[in-house]
Amino acid sequence: MGAEVSVTAVLVEQEDGTYKANCPELSVFAEGESSEEAFENLKADVTKKVREAGAAVELAPVKCLKFKVSVD
């Protein structure tokens, strides 16, 4: 088995119930009718991009933070 690359997947449910998925390290985006479909589409697109780039793949540094905001 070859080398592996670890990346982040961010999925966001849209108002119409569909999902948008994003891999911020590679600036890859995908959509799907469900979160599972969006994730699978993202994985396919990320795999394609990584395989095309090979050893030259460049990952943008990403920090994921979650925070709370008061609504009053």
N, C-alpha and C. Protein backbone atom coordinates (compact mmCIF):
# COMPACT_ATOMS: atom_id res chain seq x y z
N MET A 1 0.84 -1.18 0.00
CA MET A 1 0.00 0.00 0.00
C MET A 1 0.88 1.24 0.00
N GLY A 2 0.47 2.28 -0.74
CA GLY A 2 1.25 3.50 -0.84
C GLY A 2 1.06 4.42 0.34
N ALA A 3 1.64 5.59 0.22
CA ALA A 3 1.52 6.60 1.28
C ALA A 3 0.08 7.07 1.39
N GLU A 4 -0.27 7.58 2.55
CA GLU A 4 -1.60 8.10 2.79
C GLU A 4 -1.53 9.56 3.21
N VAL A 5 -2.59 10.29 2.94
CA VAL A 5 -2.70 11.69 3.33
C VAL A 5 -3.95 11.83 4.18
N SER A 6 -3.83 12.47 5.35
CA SER A 6 -4.99 12.72 6.20
C SER A 6 -5.49 14.14 5.95
N VAL A 7 -6.79 14.25 5.72
CA VAL A 7 -7.41 15.55 5.48
C VAL A 7 -8.68 15.68 6.30
N THR A 8 -9.25 16.87 6.29
CA THR A 8 -10.45 17.18 7.05
C THR A 8 -11.65 17.23 6.12
N ALA A 9 -12.79 16.73 6.60
CA ALA A 9 -14.05 16.87 5.87
C ALA A 9 -15.01 17.68 6.74
N VAL A 10 -15.58 18.73 6.16
CA VAL A 10 -16.57 19.56 6.83
C VAL A 10 -17.87 19.44 6.05
N LEU A 11 -18.93 19.01 6.72
CA LEU A 11 -20.23 18.86 6.07
C LEU A 11 -21.22 19.83 6.69
N VAL A 12 -21.98 20.52 5.85
CA VAL A 12 -22.94 21.50 6.32
C VAL A 12 -24.29 21.22 5.67
N GLU A 13 -25.31 21.04 6.52
CA GLU A 13 -26.65 20.84 5.98
C GLU A 13 -27.20 22.17 5.48
N GLN A 14 -27.78 22.15 4.28
CA GLN A 14 -28.36 23.34 3.68
C GLN A 14 -29.84 23.46 4.06
N GLU A 15 -30.42 24.62 3.83
CA GLU A 15 -31.83 24.84 4.18
C GLU A 15 -32.76 23.86 3.48
N ASP A 16 -32.40 23.41 2.28
CA ASP A 16 -33.26 22.48 1.53
C ASP A 16 -33.03 21.02 1.92
N GLY A 17 -32.18 20.78 2.91
CA GLY A 17 -31.93 19.42 3.39
C GLY A 17 -30.78 18.71 2.70
N THR A 18 -30.20 19.31 1.65
CA THR A 18 -29.02 18.73 1.01
C THR A 18 -27.79 19.10 1.83
N TYR A 19 -26.64 18.56 1.44
CA TYR A 19 -25.39 18.82 2.17
C TYR A 19 -24.31 19.31 1.22
N LYS A 20 -23.49 20.21 1.74
CA LYS A 20 -22.27 20.64 1.06
C LYS A 20 -21.10 20.15 1.90
N ALA A 21 -20.10 19.61 1.23
CA ALA A 21 -18.91 19.09 1.91
C ALA A 21 -17.69 19.85 1.41
N ASN A 22 -16.71 19.99 2.29
CA ASN A 22 -15.52 20.78 1.99
C ASN A 22 -14.31 20.10 2.60
N CYS A 23 -13.24 20.05 1.83
CA CYS A 23 -11.93 19.63 2.33
C CYS A 23 -11.04 20.87 2.27
N PRO A 24 -10.89 21.59 3.39
CA PRO A 24 -10.18 22.87 3.35
C PRO A 24 -8.69 22.75 3.01
N GLU A 25 -8.06 21.63 3.33
CA GLU A 25 -6.63 21.49 3.03
C GLU A 25 -6.35 21.51 1.53
N LEU A 26 -7.32 21.04 0.74
CA LEU A 26 -7.13 20.93 -0.71
C LEU A 26 -8.07 21.83 -1.50
N SER A 27 -8.90 22.60 -0.82
CA SER A 27 -9.91 23.45 -1.49
C SER A 27 -10.77 22.63 -2.44
N VAL A 28 -11.27 21.49 -1.94
CA VAL A 28 -12.15 20.62 -2.71
C VAL A 28 -13.54 20.69 -2.10
N PHE A 29 -14.55 20.79 -2.95
CA PHE A 29 -15.93 20.91 -2.52
C PHE A 29 -16.79 19.87 -3.22
N ALA A 30 -17.84 19.41 -2.55
CA ALA A 30 -18.78 18.45 -3.14
C ALA A 30 -20.15 18.68 -2.52
N GLU A 31 -21.16 18.09 -3.14
CA GLU A 31 -22.53 18.20 -2.65
C GLU A 31 -23.19 16.83 -2.68
N GLY A 32 -24.28 16.70 -1.95
CA GLY A 32 -25.04 15.46 -1.97
C GLY A 32 -26.42 15.65 -1.39
N GLU A 33 -27.32 14.72 -1.72
CA GLU A 33 -28.67 14.76 -1.18
C GLU A 33 -28.69 14.41 0.30
N SER A 34 -27.69 13.67 0.76
CA SER A 34 -27.56 13.30 2.18
C SER A 34 -26.13 13.58 2.61
N SER A 35 -25.91 13.52 3.93
CA SER A 35 -24.54 13.73 4.42
C SER A 35 -23.63 12.62 3.92
N GLU A 36 -24.14 11.40 3.87
CA GLU A 36 -23.35 10.27 3.39
C GLU A 36 -22.95 10.44 1.93
N GLU A 37 -23.91 10.89 1.10
CA GLU A 37 -23.62 11.10 -0.32
C GLU A 37 -22.61 12.23 -0.51
N ALA A 38 -22.78 13.32 0.23
CA ALA A 38 -21.84 14.43 0.13
C ALA A 38 -20.44 13.99 0.55
N PHE A 39 -20.36 13.20 1.62
CA PHE A 39 -19.06 12.71 2.10
C PHE A 39 -18.41 11.79 1.07
N GLU A 40 -19.18 10.87 0.50
CA GLU A 40 -18.64 9.95 -0.50
C GLU A 40 -18.19 10.72 -1.74
N ASN A 41 -18.96 11.72 -2.16
CA ASN A 41 -18.56 12.55 -3.30
C ASN A 41 -17.27 13.31 -3.01
N LEU A 42 -17.16 13.83 -1.77
CA LEU A 42 -15.95 14.54 -1.38
C LEU A 42 -14.75 13.61 -1.38
N LYS A 43 -14.92 12.42 -0.81
CA LYS A 43 -13.82 11.45 -0.79
C LYS A 43 -13.35 11.12 -2.20
N ALA A 44 -14.29 10.95 -3.12
CA ALA A 44 -13.92 10.64 -4.51
C ALA A 44 -13.15 11.79 -5.14
N ASP A 45 -13.61 13.02 -4.91
CA ASP A 45 -12.94 14.18 -5.50
C ASP A 45 -11.56 14.41 -4.87
N VAL A 46 -11.45 14.21 -3.55
CA VAL A 46 -10.16 14.35 -2.88
C VAL A 46 -9.20 13.28 -3.37
N THR A 47 -9.67 12.05 -3.48
CA THR A 47 -8.83 10.95 -3.97
C THR A 47 -8.30 11.26 -5.36
N LYS A 48 -9.16 11.76 -6.22
CA LYS A 48 -8.75 12.11 -7.59
C LYS A 48 -7.67 13.19 -7.57
N LYS A 49 -7.89 14.24 -6.77
CA LYS A 49 -6.92 15.33 -6.71
C LYS A 49 -5.58 14.86 -6.16
N VAL A 50 -5.59 14.06 -5.10
CA VAL A 50 -4.35 13.57 -4.50
C VAL A 50 -3.62 12.66 -5.47
N ARG A 51 -4.33 11.77 -6.13
CA ARG A 51 -3.68 10.85 -7.08
C ARG A 51 -3.09 11.60 -8.27
N GLU A 52 -3.79 12.64 -8.73
CA GLU A 52 -3.26 13.44 -9.85
C GLU A 52 -2.01 14.20 -9.44
N ALA A 53 -1.97 14.70 -8.20
CA ALA A 53 -0.82 15.48 -7.73
C ALA A 53 0.34 14.58 -7.31
N GLY A 54 0.03 13.36 -6.88
CA GLY A 54 1.07 12.44 -6.43
C GLY A 54 1.85 13.00 -5.26
N ALA A 55 3.16 12.82 -5.30
CA ALA A 55 4.03 13.26 -4.20
C ALA A 55 4.08 14.78 -4.09
N ALA A 56 3.62 15.48 -5.13
CA ALA A 56 3.67 16.94 -5.12
C ALA A 56 2.45 17.56 -4.45
N VAL A 57 1.56 16.75 -3.89
CA VAL A 57 0.35 17.29 -3.27
C VAL A 57 0.73 18.24 -2.13
N GLU A 58 0.09 19.41 -2.13
CA GLU A 58 0.35 20.41 -1.08
C GLU A 58 -0.92 20.61 -0.28
N LEU A 59 -0.81 20.45 1.02
CA LEU A 59 -1.95 20.62 1.92
C LEU A 59 -1.86 21.96 2.62
N ALA A 60 -2.93 22.73 2.56
CA ALA A 60 -2.98 23.99 3.29
C ALA A 60 -3.12 23.68 4.77
N PRO A 61 -2.42 24.42 5.64
CA PRO A 61 -2.57 24.19 7.08
C PRO A 61 -3.98 24.61 7.52
N VAL A 62 -4.61 23.77 8.31
CA VAL A 62 -5.98 24.02 8.76
C VAL A 62 -6.06 23.86 10.26
N LYS A 63 -6.74 24.79 10.91
CA LYS A 63 -7.07 24.68 12.32
C LYS A 63 -8.58 24.69 12.41
N CYS A 64 -9.13 23.70 13.06
CA CYS A 64 -10.58 23.64 13.27
C CYS A 64 -10.88 24.04 14.70
N LEU A 65 -11.70 25.04 14.85
CA LEU A 65 -12.09 25.52 16.16
C LEU A 65 -13.62 25.57 16.24
N LYS A 66 -14.14 25.22 17.37
CA LYS A 66 -15.58 25.32 17.60
C LYS A 66 -15.76 26.22 18.80
N PHE A 67 -16.71 27.16 18.70
CA PHE A 67 -16.92 28.08 19.80
C PHE A 67 -18.39 28.40 19.95
N LYS A 68 -18.73 28.99 21.08
CA LYS A 68 -20.11 29.36 21.37
C LYS A 68 -20.26 30.89 21.33
N VAL A 69 -21.43 31.33 20.92
CA VAL A 69 -21.74 32.76 20.87
C VAL A 69 -23.05 32.97 21.60
N SER A 70 -23.09 33.93 22.46
CA SER A 70 -24.31 34.26 23.20
C SER A 70 -25.31 34.92 22.26
N VAL A 71 -26.57 34.54 22.38
CA VAL A 71 -27.60 35.10 21.51
C VAL A 71 -28.47 36.15 22.18
N ASP A 72 -28.16 36.52 23.41
CA ASP A 72 -28.97 37.54 24.07
C ASP A 72 -28.37 38.91 23.99
